[in-house]
């Protein structure tokens, strides 16, 4: 089992952590706004798809209130 991770580039771990936090923040903001605006379709799309923050950012920029 240890041999499987021997060639894993360790420098990618901070990148994965950063992208996870980035996605979580944007997703939370977009889901809050979609829920408040009663945009069920957007809420479902944002909830299901992980797009590294792209879909939530698109929603936030196109649905300003």
C-alpha atoms as a PDB file:
ATOM      1  CA  UNK A   1       0.000   0.000   0.000  1.00  0.00           C
ATOM      2  CA  UNK A   2       2.812   2.364   0.833  1.00  0.00           C
ATOM      3  CA  UNK A   3       4.371   1.838  -2.585  1.00  0.00           C
ATOM      4  CA  UNK A   4       1.269   3.174  -4.333  1.00  0.00           C
ATOM      5  CA  UNK A   5       1.792   6.641  -2.835  1.00  0.00           C
ATOM      6  CA  UNK A   6       5.550   6.672  -3.200  1.00  0.00           C
ATOM      7  CA  UNK A   7       5.449   8.568  -6.525  1.00  0.00           C
ATOM      8  CA  UNK A   8       2.691  10.997  -5.477  1.00  0.00           C
ATOM      9  CA  UNK A   9       3.931  14.601  -5.817  1.00  0.00           C
ATOM     10  CA  UNK A  10       3.708  16.047  -2.309  1.00  0.00           C
ATOM     11  CA  UNK A  11       3.554  19.629  -3.613  1.00  0.00           C
ATOM     12  CA  UNK A  12       0.034  18.922  -4.923  1.00  0.00           C
ATOM     13  CA  UNK A  13      -1.432  18.493  -1.431  1.00  0.00           C
ATOM     14  CA  UNK A  14      -1.559  22.267  -0.663  1.00  0.00           C
ATOM     15  CA  UNK A  15      -3.093  22.846  -4.100  1.00  0.00           C
ATOM     16  CA  UNK A  16      -5.872  20.332  -3.384  1.00  0.00           C
ATOM     17  CA  UNK A  17      -6.501  21.899   0.027  1.00  0.00           C
ATOM     18  CA  UNK A  18      -6.649  25.395  -1.476  1.00  0.00           C
ATOM     19  CA  UNK A  19      -9.020  24.309  -4.262  1.00  0.00           C
ATOM     20  CA  UNK A  20     -11.284  22.548  -1.765  1.00  0.00           C
ATOM     21  CA  UNK A  21     -11.535  25.658   0.404  1.00  0.00           C
ATOM     22  CA  UNK A  22     -12.006  27.877  -2.685  1.00  0.00           C
ATOM     23  CA  UNK A  23     -14.846  25.664  -3.975  1.00  0.00           C
ATOM     24  CA  UNK A  24     -16.526  25.472  -0.561  1.00  0.00           C
ATOM     25  CA  UNK A  25     -16.606  29.239  -0.060  1.00  0.00           C
ATOM     26  CA  UNK A  26     -18.004  30.039  -3.516  1.00  0.00           C
ATOM     27  CA  UNK A  27     -20.474  27.163  -3.335  1.00  0.00           C
ATOM     28  CA  UNK A  28     -21.777  28.274   0.060  1.00  0.00           C
ATOM     29  CA  UNK A  29     -22.316  31.868  -1.115  1.00  0.00           C
ATOM     30  CA  UNK A  30     -24.029  30.793  -4.347  1.00  0.00           C
ATOM     31  CA  UNK A  31     -26.238  28.226  -2.625  1.00  0.00           C
ATOM     32  CA  UNK A  32     -27.305  30.817  -0.058  1.00  0.00           C
ATOM     33  CA  UNK A  33     -28.235  33.285  -2.804  1.00  0.00           C
ATOM     34  CA  UNK A  34     -29.951  30.671  -4.980  1.00  0.00           C
ATOM     35  CA  UNK A  35     -31.996  29.516  -2.017  1.00  0.00           C
ATOM     36  CA  UNK A  36     -32.935  33.073  -1.115  1.00  0.00           C
ATOM     37  CA  UNK A  37     -33.943  33.822  -4.712  1.00  0.00           C
ATOM     38  CA  UNK A  38     -35.891  30.540  -4.941  1.00  0.00           C
ATOM     39  CA  UNK A  39     -33.867  29.468  -8.002  1.00  0.00           C
ATOM     40  CA  UNK A  40     -34.343  25.719  -7.615  1.00  0.00           C
ATOM     41  CA  UNK A  41     -32.618  24.788 -10.900  1.00  0.00           C
ATOM     42  CA  UNK A  42     -29.501  26.804 -10.046  1.00  0.00           C
ATOM     43  CA  UNK A  43     -29.519  25.464  -6.489  1.00  0.00           C
ATOM     44  CA  UNK A  44     -29.530  21.867  -7.758  1.00  0.00           C
ATOM     45  CA  UNK A  45     -26.830  22.511 -10.388  1.00  0.00           C
ATOM     46  CA  UNK A  46     -24.518  24.241  -7.931  1.00  0.00           C
ATOM     47  CA  UNK A  47     -25.134  21.583  -5.279  1.00  0.00           C
ATOM     48  CA  UNK A  48     -24.399  18.630  -7.588  1.00  0.00           C
ATOM     49  CA  UNK A  49     -21.532  19.823  -9.778  1.00  0.00           C
ATOM     50  CA  UNK A  50     -18.065  20.633  -8.453  1.00  0.00           C
ATOM     51  CA  UNK A  51     -16.532  23.078 -10.910  1.00  0.00           C
ATOM     52  CA  UNK A  52     -13.779  24.583  -8.729  1.00  0.00           C
ATOM     53  CA  UNK A  53     -15.972  27.613  -8.102  1.00  0.00           C
ATOM     54  CA  UNK A  54     -16.723  28.449 -11.740  1.00  0.00           C
ATOM     55  CA  UNK A  55     -20.470  27.678 -11.702  1.00  0.00           C
ATOM     56  CA  UNK A  56     -21.077  29.452  -8.375  1.00  0.00           C
ATOM     57  CA  UNK A  57     -19.149  32.511  -9.603  1.00  0.00           C
ATOM     58  CA  UNK A  58     -21.216  32.569 -12.809  1.00  0.00           C
ATOM     59  CA  UNK A  59     -24.419  32.475 -10.770  1.00  0.00           C
ATOM     60  CA  UNK A  60     -23.276  35.208  -8.395  1.00  0.00           C
ATOM     61  CA  UNK A  61     -22.227  37.489 -11.261  1.00  0.00           C
ATOM     62  CA  UNK A  62     -25.355  36.924 -13.365  1.00  0.00           C
ATOM     63  CA  UNK A  63     -27.946  37.067 -10.560  1.00  0.00           C
ATOM     64  CA  UNK A  64     -27.111  40.246  -8.676  1.00  0.00           C
ATOM     65  CA  UNK A  65     -29.784  41.393  -6.232  1.00  0.00           C
END
